[in-house]
Amino acid sequence: MNPDLIPVIISAALCLWWAFAAVSLLLSALPGTKRNRLVDRWDAASRTASLGFLVPLCLVVVTWTVVPVALWYLLTALSAAAVAFVVLRLPGLPPSGQDRAVSTRRASAIGNTALAVAVIAALVLFLP
């Protein structure tokens, strides 16, 4: 394997992960979708925090000299649209779901939010 391809493969994988997370959040936040939709506010917080974790991770890890910068703009706009749809839909969501997975979603939302905050704080503190 050519060593010059490693940054390209890692960058492509991270950009695909970011695109998948943004599109899945956008599709789950649309009001007409029934499949894989947002269950409650904890679910919305968990998915939004997961997307919030990927944005700074891709900012640092992806080699933007290899990947077109237009992809950064496209993914950022897609993420902003997804978060906007979640924010608009948030008042209509129940505070807590009615199924047995409520505690799991709550723990996931708290963990994802803590991870996203830790990554952003580390980037702010340690990058010039």
N, C-alpha and C. Protein backbone atom coordinates (compact mmCIF):
# COMPACT_ATOMS: atom_id res chain seq x y z
N MET A 1 0.85 -1.18 0.00
CA MET A 1 0.00 0.00 0.00
C MET A 1 0.89 1.24 0.00
N ASN A 2 0.50 2.19 -0.76
CA ASN A 2 1.23 3.43 -0.88
C ASN A 2 1.02 4.28 0.38
N PRO A 3 2.08 4.73 1.05
CA PRO A 3 1.91 5.53 2.28
C PRO A 3 1.23 6.88 2.04
N ASP A 4 1.26 7.35 0.81
CA ASP A 4 0.59 8.62 0.50
C ASP A 4 -0.93 8.49 0.50
N LEU A 5 -1.44 7.26 0.39
CA LEU A 5 -2.89 7.05 0.37
C LEU A 5 -3.52 6.98 1.75
N ILE A 6 -2.71 6.79 2.78
CA ILE A 6 -3.26 6.65 4.13
C ILE A 6 -4.02 7.89 4.58
N PRO A 7 -3.47 9.12 4.44
CA PRO A 7 -4.28 10.29 4.82
C PRO A 7 -5.55 10.45 3.99
N VAL A 8 -5.49 10.05 2.74
CA VAL A 8 -6.67 10.16 1.88
C VAL A 8 -7.76 9.20 2.35
N ILE A 9 -7.38 7.98 2.69
CA ILE A 9 -8.36 6.99 3.14
C ILE A 9 -8.95 7.39 4.48
N ILE A 10 -8.11 7.84 5.42
CA ILE A 10 -8.62 8.28 6.72
C ILE A 10 -9.53 9.49 6.58
N SER A 11 -9.14 10.44 5.74
CA SER A 11 -9.97 11.63 5.52
C SER A 11 -11.30 11.27 4.88
N ALA A 12 -11.27 10.37 3.92
CA ALA A 12 -12.51 9.97 3.26
C ALA A 12 -13.44 9.24 4.22
N ALA A 13 -12.88 8.38 5.06
CA ALA A 13 -13.70 7.65 6.03
C ALA A 13 -14.34 8.59 7.04
N LEU A 14 -13.58 9.55 7.53
CA LEU A 14 -14.14 10.50 8.50
C LEU A 14 -15.19 11.41 7.86
N CYS A 15 -14.96 11.83 6.62
CA CYS A 15 -15.96 12.66 5.94
C CYS A 15 -17.24 11.87 5.67
N LEU A 16 -17.11 10.60 5.32
CA LEU A 16 -18.30 9.77 5.13
C LEU A 16 -19.06 9.56 6.44
N TRP A 17 -18.33 9.38 7.52
CA TRP A 17 -18.95 9.23 8.84
C TRP A 17 -19.71 10.49 9.21
N TRP A 18 -19.08 11.65 8.96
CA TRP A 18 -19.72 12.92 9.26
C TRP A 18 -20.97 13.11 8.40
N ALA A 19 -20.87 12.78 7.12
CA ALA A 19 -22.03 12.92 6.23
C ALA A 19 -23.16 11.99 6.65
N PHE A 20 -22.83 10.76 7.02
CA PHE A 20 -23.85 9.81 7.47
C PHE A 20 -24.53 10.31 8.74
N ALA A 21 -23.76 10.83 9.68
CA ALA A 21 -24.35 11.34 10.93
C ALA A 21 -25.25 12.54 10.67
N ALA A 22 -24.83 13.44 9.79
CA ALA A 22 -25.63 14.62 9.50
C ALA A 22 -26.92 14.26 8.75
N VAL A 23 -26.81 13.38 7.78
CA VAL A 23 -28.00 12.98 7.01
C VAL A 23 -28.97 12.20 7.89
N SER A 24 -28.46 11.31 8.73
CA SER A 24 -29.37 10.54 9.59
C SER A 24 -30.05 11.44 10.61
N LEU A 25 -29.34 12.44 11.14
CA LEU A 25 -29.98 13.39 12.06
C LEU A 25 -31.02 14.22 11.33
N LEU A 26 -30.71 14.64 10.11
CA LEU A 26 -31.66 15.43 9.33
C LEU A 26 -32.91 14.62 9.00
N LEU A 27 -32.73 13.38 8.58
CA LEU A 27 -33.89 12.55 8.25
C LEU A 27 -34.73 12.21 9.48
N SER A 28 -34.08 12.03 10.61
CA SER A 28 -34.85 11.71 11.82
C SER A 28 -35.57 12.93 12.37
N ALA A 29 -35.10 14.13 12.03
CA ALA A 29 -35.74 15.33 12.53
C ALA A 29 -36.87 15.83 11.64
N LEU A 30 -36.95 15.34 10.42
CA LEU A 30 -38.02 15.76 9.54
C LEU A 30 -39.36 15.27 10.09
N PRO A 31 -40.38 16.12 10.06
CA PRO A 31 -41.64 15.73 10.70
C PRO A 31 -42.38 14.61 10.00
N GLY A 32 -42.19 14.38 8.74
CA GLY A 32 -42.97 13.38 8.03
C GLY A 32 -42.42 11.97 8.13
N THR A 33 -41.21 11.80 8.63
CA THR A 33 -40.60 10.48 8.66
C THR A 33 -41.09 9.69 9.86
N LYS A 34 -41.41 8.43 9.64
CA LYS A 34 -41.86 7.55 10.71
C LYS A 34 -40.75 6.62 11.17
N ARG A 35 -39.92 6.22 10.24
CA ARG A 35 -38.87 5.26 10.57
C ARG A 35 -37.64 5.97 11.12
N ASN A 36 -37.11 5.47 12.20
CA ASN A 36 -35.90 5.99 12.82
C ASN A 36 -36.03 7.47 13.18
N ARG A 37 -37.17 7.84 13.68
CA ARG A 37 -37.39 9.23 14.04
C ARG A 37 -36.95 9.50 15.46
N LEU A 38 -36.93 10.76 15.84
CA LEU A 38 -36.56 11.14 17.20
C LEU A 38 -37.67 10.70 18.15
N VAL A 39 -37.28 10.01 19.21
CA VAL A 39 -38.26 9.48 20.16
C VAL A 39 -38.60 10.52 21.22
N ASP A 40 -37.58 11.14 21.78
CA ASP A 40 -37.79 12.14 22.82
C ASP A 40 -36.64 13.15 22.79
N ARG A 41 -36.63 14.05 23.76
CA ARG A 41 -35.60 15.09 23.78
C ARG A 41 -34.22 14.53 24.09
N TRP A 42 -34.16 13.45 24.87
CA TRP A 42 -32.87 12.82 25.14
C TRP A 42 -32.27 12.24 23.87
N ASP A 43 -33.09 11.66 23.04
CA ASP A 43 -32.63 11.12 21.77
C ASP A 43 -32.10 12.24 20.87
N ALA A 44 -32.81 13.34 20.84
CA ALA A 44 -32.37 14.49 20.03
C ALA A 44 -31.04 15.04 20.56
N ALA A 45 -30.89 15.12 21.87
CA ALA A 45 -29.64 15.61 22.45
C ALA A 45 -28.48 14.67 22.16
N SER A 46 -28.74 13.37 22.23
CA SER A 46 -27.68 12.39 21.98
C SER A 46 -27.21 12.44 20.54
N ARG A 47 -28.14 12.48 19.61
CA ARG A 47 -27.74 12.51 18.19
C ARG A 47 -27.07 13.82 17.83
N THR A 48 -27.53 14.93 18.40
CA THR A 48 -26.91 16.22 18.11
C THR A 48 -25.51 16.30 18.71
N ALA A 49 -25.32 15.75 19.90
CA ALA A 49 -23.99 15.75 20.51
C ALA A 49 -23.03 14.84 19.74
N SER A 50 -23.53 13.75 19.20
CA SER A 50 -22.67 12.89 18.38
C SER A 50 -22.19 13.63 17.14
N LEU A 51 -23.09 14.38 16.54
CA LEU A 51 -22.69 15.18 15.39
C LEU A 51 -21.74 16.29 15.81
N GLY A 52 -21.98 16.87 16.98
CA GLY A 52 -21.09 17.90 17.50
C GLY A 52 -19.70 17.38 17.83
N PHE A 53 -19.58 16.10 18.10
CA PHE A 53 -18.28 15.48 18.33
C PHE A 53 -17.52 15.30 17.02
N LEU A 54 -18.23 14.97 15.96
CA LEU A 54 -17.59 14.69 14.69
C LEU A 54 -17.04 15.94 14.00
N VAL A 55 -17.68 17.07 14.20
CA VAL A 55 -17.26 18.29 13.50
C VAL A 55 -15.84 18.70 13.89
N PRO A 56 -15.52 18.88 15.18
CA PRO A 56 -14.13 19.25 15.50
C PRO A 56 -13.14 18.12 15.24
N LEU A 57 -13.60 16.87 15.36
CA LEU A 57 -12.71 15.76 15.07
C LEU A 57 -12.28 15.79 13.61
N CYS A 58 -13.22 16.02 12.71
CA CYS A 58 -12.88 16.11 11.29
C CYS A 58 -12.07 17.36 10.98
N LEU A 59 -12.30 18.41 11.71
CA LEU A 59 -11.54 19.64 11.50
C LEU A 59 -10.05 19.40 11.76
N VAL A 60 -9.76 18.59 12.76
CA VAL A 60 -8.37 18.36 13.13
C VAL A 60 -7.75 17.20 12.37
N VAL A 61 -8.46 16.10 12.20
CA VAL A 61 -7.87 14.88 11.67
C VAL A 61 -7.82 14.86 10.15
N VAL A 62 -8.85 15.38 9.50
CA VAL A 62 -8.90 15.31 8.04
C VAL A 62 -7.82 16.22 7.44
N THR A 63 -7.12 15.70 6.46
CA THR A 63 -6.10 16.46 5.76
C THR A 63 -6.80 17.29 4.69
N TRP A 64 -7.04 18.55 4.99
CA TRP A 64 -7.83 19.39 4.09
C TRP A 64 -7.04 19.88 2.90
N THR A 65 -5.75 19.55 2.84
CA THR A 65 -5.00 19.83 1.61
C THR A 65 -5.23 18.74 0.57
N VAL A 66 -5.67 17.57 1.02
CA VAL A 66 -5.94 16.46 0.12
C VAL A 66 -7.42 16.44 -0.28
N VAL A 67 -8.27 16.70 0.70
CA VAL A 67 -9.72 16.68 0.49
C VAL A 67 -10.15 18.09 0.05
N PRO A 68 -11.04 18.21 -0.91
CA PRO A 68 -11.50 19.54 -1.31
C PRO A 68 -12.19 20.28 -0.16
N VAL A 69 -11.86 21.53 -0.02
CA VAL A 69 -12.42 22.33 1.07
C VAL A 69 -13.91 22.56 0.86
N ALA A 70 -14.35 22.45 -0.37
CA ALA A 70 -15.79 22.58 -0.65
C ALA A 70 -16.59 21.51 0.09
N LEU A 71 -15.97 20.37 0.31
CA LEU A 71 -16.62 19.31 1.09
C LEU A 71 -16.84 19.76 2.53
N TRP A 72 -15.90 20.51 3.09
CA TRP A 72 -16.06 21.05 4.44
C TRP A 72 -17.28 21.97 4.49
N TYR A 73 -17.41 22.85 3.52
CA TYR A 73 -18.55 23.76 3.48
C TYR A 73 -19.87 23.00 3.32
N LEU A 74 -19.87 22.01 2.46
CA LEU A 74 -21.08 21.22 2.24
C LEU A 74 -21.48 20.47 3.51
N LEU A 75 -20.54 19.82 4.16
CA LEU A 75 -20.85 19.07 5.38
C LEU A 75 -21.24 19.99 6.53
N THR A 76 -20.63 21.15 6.60
CA THR A 76 -21.00 22.12 7.64
C THR A 76 -22.42 22.63 7.42
N ALA A 77 -22.77 22.94 6.18
CA ALA A 77 -24.13 23.40 5.89
C ALA A 77 -25.15 22.30 6.15
N LEU A 78 -24.81 21.06 5.82
CA LEU A 78 -25.69 19.93 6.08
C LEU A 78 -25.88 19.73 7.58
N SER A 79 -24.81 19.87 8.35
CA SER A 79 -24.90 19.74 9.80
C SER A 79 -25.73 20.87 10.40
N ALA A 80 -25.54 22.07 9.91
CA ALA A 80 -26.31 23.20 10.41
C ALA A 80 -27.80 23.03 10.12
N ALA A 81 -28.12 22.53 8.94
CA ALA A 81 -29.52 22.28 8.60
C ALA A 81 -30.11 21.20 9.49
N ALA A 82 -29.34 20.15 9.76
CA ALA A 82 -29.84 19.08 10.62
C ALA A 82 -30.09 19.58 12.04
N VAL A 83 -29.17 20.35 12.56
CA VAL A 83 -29.35 20.88 13.92
C VAL A 83 -30.50 21.87 13.96
N ALA A 84 -30.67 22.65 12.90
CA ALA A 84 -31.80 23.59 12.86
C ALA A 84 -33.14 22.85 12.87
N PHE A 85 -33.23 21.76 12.11
CA PHE A 85 -34.46 20.97 12.12
C PHE A 85 -34.72 20.36 13.49
N VAL A 86 -33.66 19.91 14.16
CA VAL A 86 -33.83 19.35 15.51
C VAL A 86 -34.31 20.43 16.47
N VAL A 87 -33.73 21.61 16.39
CA VAL A 87 -34.13 22.70 17.29
C VAL A 87 -35.58 23.10 17.04
N LEU A 88 -35.99 23.13 15.78
CA LEU A 88 -37.38 23.48 15.47
C LEU A 88 -38.35 22.40 15.94
N ARG A 89 -37.92 21.17 15.93
CA ARG A 89 -38.79 20.06 16.31
C ARG A 89 -38.78 19.78 17.81
N LEU A 90 -37.79 20.31 18.53
CA LEU A 90 -37.59 20.00 19.95
C LEU A 90 -38.80 20.32 20.84
N PRO A 91 -39.49 21.45 20.68
CA PRO A 91 -40.64 21.70 21.56
C PRO A 91 -41.77 20.68 21.41
N GLY A 92 -41.89 20.05 20.27
CA GLY A 92 -42.95 19.07 20.05
C GLY A 92 -42.61 17.68 20.54
N LEU A 93 -41.36 17.46 20.92
CA LEU A 93 -40.95 16.14 21.41
C LEU A 93 -41.29 15.98 22.88
N PRO A 94 -41.63 14.77 23.30
CA PRO A 94 -41.87 14.56 24.73
C PRO A 94 -40.56 14.66 25.51
N PRO A 95 -40.62 15.13 26.77
CA PRO A 95 -39.39 15.23 27.56
C PRO A 95 -38.72 13.87 27.79
N SER A 96 -39.53 12.85 27.89
CA SER A 96 -39.00 11.52 28.10
C SER A 96 -39.92 10.52 27.40
N GLY A 97 -39.32 9.48 26.82
CA GLY A 97 -40.10 8.50 26.09
C GLY A 97 -40.90 7.60 27.02
N GLN A 98 -41.74 6.79 26.44
CA GLN A 98 -42.61 5.91 27.21
C GLN A 98 -42.15 4.45 27.18
N ASP A 99 -40.98 4.19 26.61
CA ASP A 99 -40.50 2.81 26.52
C ASP A 99 -39.45 2.52 27.59
N ARG A 100 -38.91 1.30 27.55
CA ARG A 100 -37.95 0.88 28.58
C ARG A 100 -36.55 1.42 28.32
N ALA A 101 -36.29 1.96 27.15
CA ALA A 101 -34.95 2.43 26.80
C ALA A 101 -34.70 3.88 27.18
N VAL A 102 -35.55 4.45 28.02
CA VAL A 102 -35.39 5.86 28.39
C VAL A 102 -34.09 6.08 29.14
N SER A 103 -33.78 5.22 30.08
CA SER A 103 -32.55 5.41 30.86
C SER A 103 -31.31 5.24 29.98
N THR A 104 -31.37 4.36 29.01
CA THR A 104 -30.25 4.17 28.09
C THR A 104 -30.05 5.40 27.22
N ARG A 105 -31.13 5.97 26.72
CA ARG A 105 -31.02 7.19 25.91
C ARG A 105 -30.51 8.35 26.75
N ARG A 106 -30.94 8.45 27.99
CA ARG A 106 -30.48 9.52 28.86
C ARG A 106 -28.98 9.40 29.11
N ALA A 107 -28.53 8.19 29.43
CA ALA A 107 -27.09 7.98 29.66
C ALA A 107 -26.29 8.24 28.39
N SER A 108 -26.82 7.83 27.25
CA SER A 108 -26.14 8.07 25.99
C SER A 108 -26.05 9.57 25.69
N ALA A 109 -27.11 10.29 25.95
CA ALA A 109 -27.10 11.73 25.70
C ALA A 109 -26.10 12.44 26.60
N ILE A 110 -26.06 12.05 27.87
CA ILE A 110 -25.11 12.68 28.79
C ILE A 110 -23.67 12.33 28.40
N GLY A 111 -23.43 11.08 28.05
CA GLY A 111 -22.09 10.67 27.64
C GLY A 111 -21.64 11.32 26.35
N ASN A 112 -22.51 11.39 25.36
CA ASN A 112 -22.16 12.04 24.08
C ASN A 112 -21.90 13.52 24.27
N THR A 113 -22.71 14.17 25.09
CA THR A 113 -22.50 15.59 25.33
C THR A 113 -21.19 15.84 26.07
N ALA A 114 -20.89 15.01 27.07
CA ALA A 114 -19.63 15.16 27.80
C ALA A 114 -18.43 14.92 26.88
N LEU A 115 -18.53 13.93 26.00
CA LEU A 115 -17.44 13.66 25.06
C LEU A 115 -17.25 14.81 24.09
N ALA A 116 -18.34 15.36 23.56
CA ALA A 116 -18.23 16.48 22.63
C ALA A 116 -17.63 17.71 23.31
N VAL A 117 -18.05 17.98 24.54
CA VAL A 117 -17.51 19.13 25.28
C VAL A 117 -16.02 18.91 25.57
N ALA A 118 -15.64 17.68 25.94
CA ALA A 118 -14.23 17.39 26.23
C ALA A 118 -13.36 17.56 25.00
N VAL A 119 -13.84 17.10 23.85
CA VAL A 119 -13.05 17.24 22.61
C VAL A 119 -12.91 18.70 22.23
N ILE A 120 -13.98 19.45 22.31
CA ILE A 120 -13.92 20.87 21.95
C ILE A 120 -13.03 21.63 22.93
N ALA A 121 -13.12 21.32 24.22
CA ALA A 121 -12.25 21.98 25.21
C ALA A 121 -10.78 21.63 24.99
N ALA A 122 -10.51 20.37 24.67
CA ALA A 122 -9.12 19.97 24.40
C ALA A 122 -8.58 20.69 23.17
N LEU A 123 -9.41 20.83 22.15
CA LEU A 123 -8.95 21.55 20.95
C LEU A 123 -8.68 23.02 21.24
N VAL A 124 -9.54 23.61 22.03
CA VAL A 124 -9.35 25.03 22.36
C VAL A 124 -8.09 25.23 23.22
N LEU A 125 -7.85 24.30 24.14
CA LEU A 125 -6.72 24.45 25.05
C LEU A 125 -5.38 24.11 24.42
N PHE A 126 -5.34 23.09 23.57
CA PHE A 126 -4.08 22.57 23.12
C PHE A 126 -3.68 22.96 21.70
N LEU A 127 -4.60 23.42 20.91
CA LEU A 127 -4.24 23.88 19.57
C LEU A 127 -3.99 25.38 19.57
N PRO A 128 -3.00 25.81 18.85
CA PRO A 128 -2.72 27.26 18.83
C PRO A 128 -3.76 28.03 18.05
